[in-house]
């Protein structure tokens, strides 16, 4: 398994708010499945940071493809990179 950090920039605030309940439900399912370590928007609501625990980038891309935010086209990926935390992640 590998940890990946994903930084998003929101592009369509109105549409994002419409889709947010479905997106958050999807994130809860990923958290329950052990695929999502943590996630949340930045305080200024311009984007978000998500940490995934997946086999590889291919699995993460599949997860992103199923996210309601992806279908709604409400974000751009700023950074997607494998992450090696200095301190253990408490999942």
C-alpha atoms as a PDB file:
ATOM      1  CA  UNK A   1       0.000   0.000   0.000  1.00  0.00           C
ATOM      2  CA  UNK A   2       1.064   3.563  -0.619  1.00  0.00           C
ATOM      3  CA  UNK A   3      -0.071   6.928   0.659  1.00  0.00           C
ATOM      4  CA  UNK A   4      -0.940   9.616  -1.873  1.00  0.00           C
ATOM      5  CA  UNK A   5      -1.546  13.298  -1.219  1.00  0.00           C
ATOM      6  CA  UNK A   6      -4.031  15.014  -3.499  1.00  0.00           C
ATOM      7  CA  UNK A   7      -4.450  18.775  -3.568  1.00  0.00           C
ATOM      8  CA  UNK A   8      -7.475  20.106  -5.426  1.00  0.00           C
ATOM      9  CA  UNK A   9      -8.508  23.556  -6.597  1.00  0.00           C
ATOM     10  CA  UNK A  10     -12.273  24.096  -6.796  1.00  0.00           C
ATOM     11  CA  UNK A  11     -13.467  25.571 -10.093  1.00  0.00           C
ATOM     12  CA  UNK A  12     -17.276  25.781  -9.868  1.00  0.00           C
ATOM     13  CA  UNK A  13     -18.529  26.738  -6.412  1.00  0.00           C
ATOM     14  CA  UNK A  14     -22.246  26.665  -7.179  1.00  0.00           C
ATOM     15  CA  UNK A  15     -22.162  23.239  -8.821  1.00  0.00           C
ATOM     16  CA  UNK A  16     -19.782  21.942  -6.129  1.00  0.00           C
ATOM     17  CA  UNK A  17     -22.278  22.788  -3.398  1.00  0.00           C
ATOM     18  CA  UNK A  18     -25.021  20.918  -5.279  1.00  0.00           C
ATOM     19  CA  UNK A  19     -22.876  17.786  -5.540  1.00  0.00           C
ATOM     20  CA  UNK A  20     -21.176  18.004  -2.143  1.00  0.00           C
ATOM     21  CA  UNK A  21     -23.572  15.665  -0.254  1.00  0.00           C
ATOM     22  CA  UNK A  22     -22.948  12.843  -2.759  1.00  0.00           C
ATOM     23  CA  UNK A  23     -19.209  13.572  -2.725  1.00  0.00           C
ATOM     24  CA  UNK A  24     -19.065  13.415   1.064  1.00  0.00           C
ATOM     25  CA  UNK A  25     -21.065  10.191   1.124  1.00  0.00           C
ATOM     26  CA  UNK A  26     -18.533   8.737  -1.319  1.00  0.00           C
ATOM     27  CA  UNK A  27     -15.648   9.891   0.898  1.00  0.00           C
ATOM     28  CA  UNK A  28     -17.274   8.221   3.917  1.00  0.00           C
ATOM     29  CA  UNK A  29     -17.446   4.947   1.984  1.00  0.00           C
ATOM     30  CA  UNK A  30     -13.752   5.253   1.113  1.00  0.00           C
ATOM     31  CA  UNK A  31     -12.878   5.994   4.747  1.00  0.00           C
ATOM     32  CA  UNK A  32     -14.881   2.955   5.877  1.00  0.00           C
ATOM     33  CA  UNK A  33     -13.049   0.812   3.293  1.00  0.00           C
ATOM     34  CA  UNK A  34      -9.653   2.022   4.538  1.00  0.00           C
ATOM     35  CA  UNK A  35      -8.834   3.832   1.287  1.00  0.00           C
ATOM     36  CA  UNK A  36      -9.110   7.409   2.611  1.00  0.00           C
ATOM     37  CA  UNK A  37      -6.945   8.523   5.526  1.00  0.00           C
ATOM     38  CA  UNK A  38      -8.233  12.079   5.835  1.00  0.00           C
ATOM     39  CA  UNK A  39      -9.774  14.816   3.719  1.00  0.00           C
ATOM     40  CA  UNK A  40     -11.078  18.324   3.981  1.00  0.00           C
ATOM     41  CA  UNK A  41     -11.406  21.686   2.308  1.00  0.00           C
ATOM     42  CA  UNK A  42      -9.058  24.577   2.976  1.00  0.00           C
ATOM     43  CA  UNK A  43     -10.456  27.241   5.311  1.00  0.00           C
ATOM     44  CA  UNK A  44     -10.894  29.666   2.409  1.00  0.00           C
ATOM     45  CA  UNK A  45     -12.875  27.041   0.433  1.00  0.00           C
ATOM     46  CA  UNK A  46     -10.642  27.388  -2.644  1.00  0.00           C
ATOM     47  CA  UNK A  47      -9.611  23.749  -2.649  1.00  0.00           C
ATOM     48  CA  UNK A  48      -8.973  20.678  -0.532  1.00  0.00           C
ATOM     49  CA  UNK A  49      -6.360  18.197   0.623  1.00  0.00           C
ATOM     50  CA  UNK A  50      -6.999  14.449   0.664  1.00  0.00           C
ATOM     51  CA  UNK A  51      -4.724  11.609   1.743  1.00  0.00           C
ATOM     52  CA  UNK A  52      -5.418   8.162   0.275  1.00  0.00           C
ATOM     53  CA  UNK A  53      -4.035   4.750   1.242  1.00  0.00           C
ATOM     54  CA  UNK A  54      -4.127   2.707  -1.968  1.00  0.00           C
ATOM     55  CA  UNK A  55      -2.132   0.055  -3.805  1.00  0.00           C
ATOM     56  CA  UNK A  56      -0.832   2.462  -6.435  1.00  0.00           C
ATOM     57  CA  UNK A  57      -1.637   5.563  -8.471  1.00  0.00           C
ATOM     58  CA  UNK A  58      -3.767   3.520 -10.852  1.00  0.00           C
ATOM     59  CA  UNK A  59      -6.118   2.547  -8.021  1.00  0.00           C
ATOM     60  CA  UNK A  60      -6.301   6.173  -6.914  1.00  0.00           C
ATOM     61  CA  UNK A  61      -7.172   7.296 -10.448  1.00  0.00           C
ATOM     62  CA  UNK A  62      -9.997   4.714 -10.478  1.00  0.00           C
ATOM     63  CA  UNK A  63     -11.260   6.044  -7.147  1.00  0.00           C
ATOM     64  CA  UNK A  64     -11.179   9.608  -8.446  1.00  0.00           C
ATOM     65  CA  UNK A  65     -13.040   8.610 -11.602  1.00  0.00           C
ATOM     66  CA  UNK A  66     -15.969   7.398  -9.445  1.00  0.00           C
ATOM     67  CA  UNK A  67     -16.084  10.535  -7.262  1.00  0.00           C
ATOM     68  CA  UNK A  68     -19.214  12.661  -7.861  1.00  0.00           C
ATOM     69  CA  UNK A  69     -16.990  15.763  -7.928  1.00  0.00           C
ATOM     70  CA  UNK A  70     -15.189  14.340 -10.960  1.00  0.00           C
ATOM     71  CA  UNK A  71     -18.417  13.755 -12.887  1.00  0.00           C
ATOM     72  CA  UNK A  72     -19.570  17.278 -11.970  1.00  0.00           C
ATOM     73  CA  UNK A  73     -16.237  18.753 -13.153  1.00  0.00           C
ATOM     74  CA  UNK A  74     -15.865  21.028 -10.118  1.00  0.00           C
ATOM     75  CA  UNK A  75     -12.132  20.756  -9.463  1.00  0.00           C
ATOM     76  CA  UNK A  76      -8.679  20.671 -10.981  1.00  0.00           C
ATOM     77  CA  UNK A  77      -5.835  18.569  -9.608  1.00  0.00           C
ATOM     78  CA  UNK A  78      -3.059  20.827  -8.348  1.00  0.00           C
ATOM     79  CA  UNK A  79      -0.829  18.064  -6.979  1.00  0.00           C
ATOM     80  CA  UNK A  80      -1.081  14.283  -6.896  1.00  0.00           C
ATOM     81  CA  UNK A  81       2.001  12.673  -5.422  1.00  0.00           C
ATOM     82  CA  UNK A  82       3.056   9.678  -3.380  1.00  0.00           C
ATOM     83  CA  UNK A  83       3.629  10.767   0.200  1.00  0.00           C
ATOM     84  CA  UNK A  84       6.026   9.432   2.805  1.00  0.00           C
ATOM     85  CA  UNK A  85       4.953  10.826   6.176  1.00  0.00           C
ATOM     86  CA  UNK A  86       7.631  11.501   8.757  1.00  0.00           C
ATOM     87  CA  UNK A  87       5.328  10.497  11.602  1.00  0.00           C
ATOM     88  CA  UNK A  88       2.868   7.586  11.623  1.00  0.00           C
ATOM     89  CA  UNK A  89      -0.605   8.316  10.348  1.00  0.00           C
ATOM     90  CA  UNK A  90      -3.298   7.492  12.879  1.00  0.00           C
ATOM     91  CA  UNK A  91      -6.037   6.017  10.719  1.00  0.00           C
END
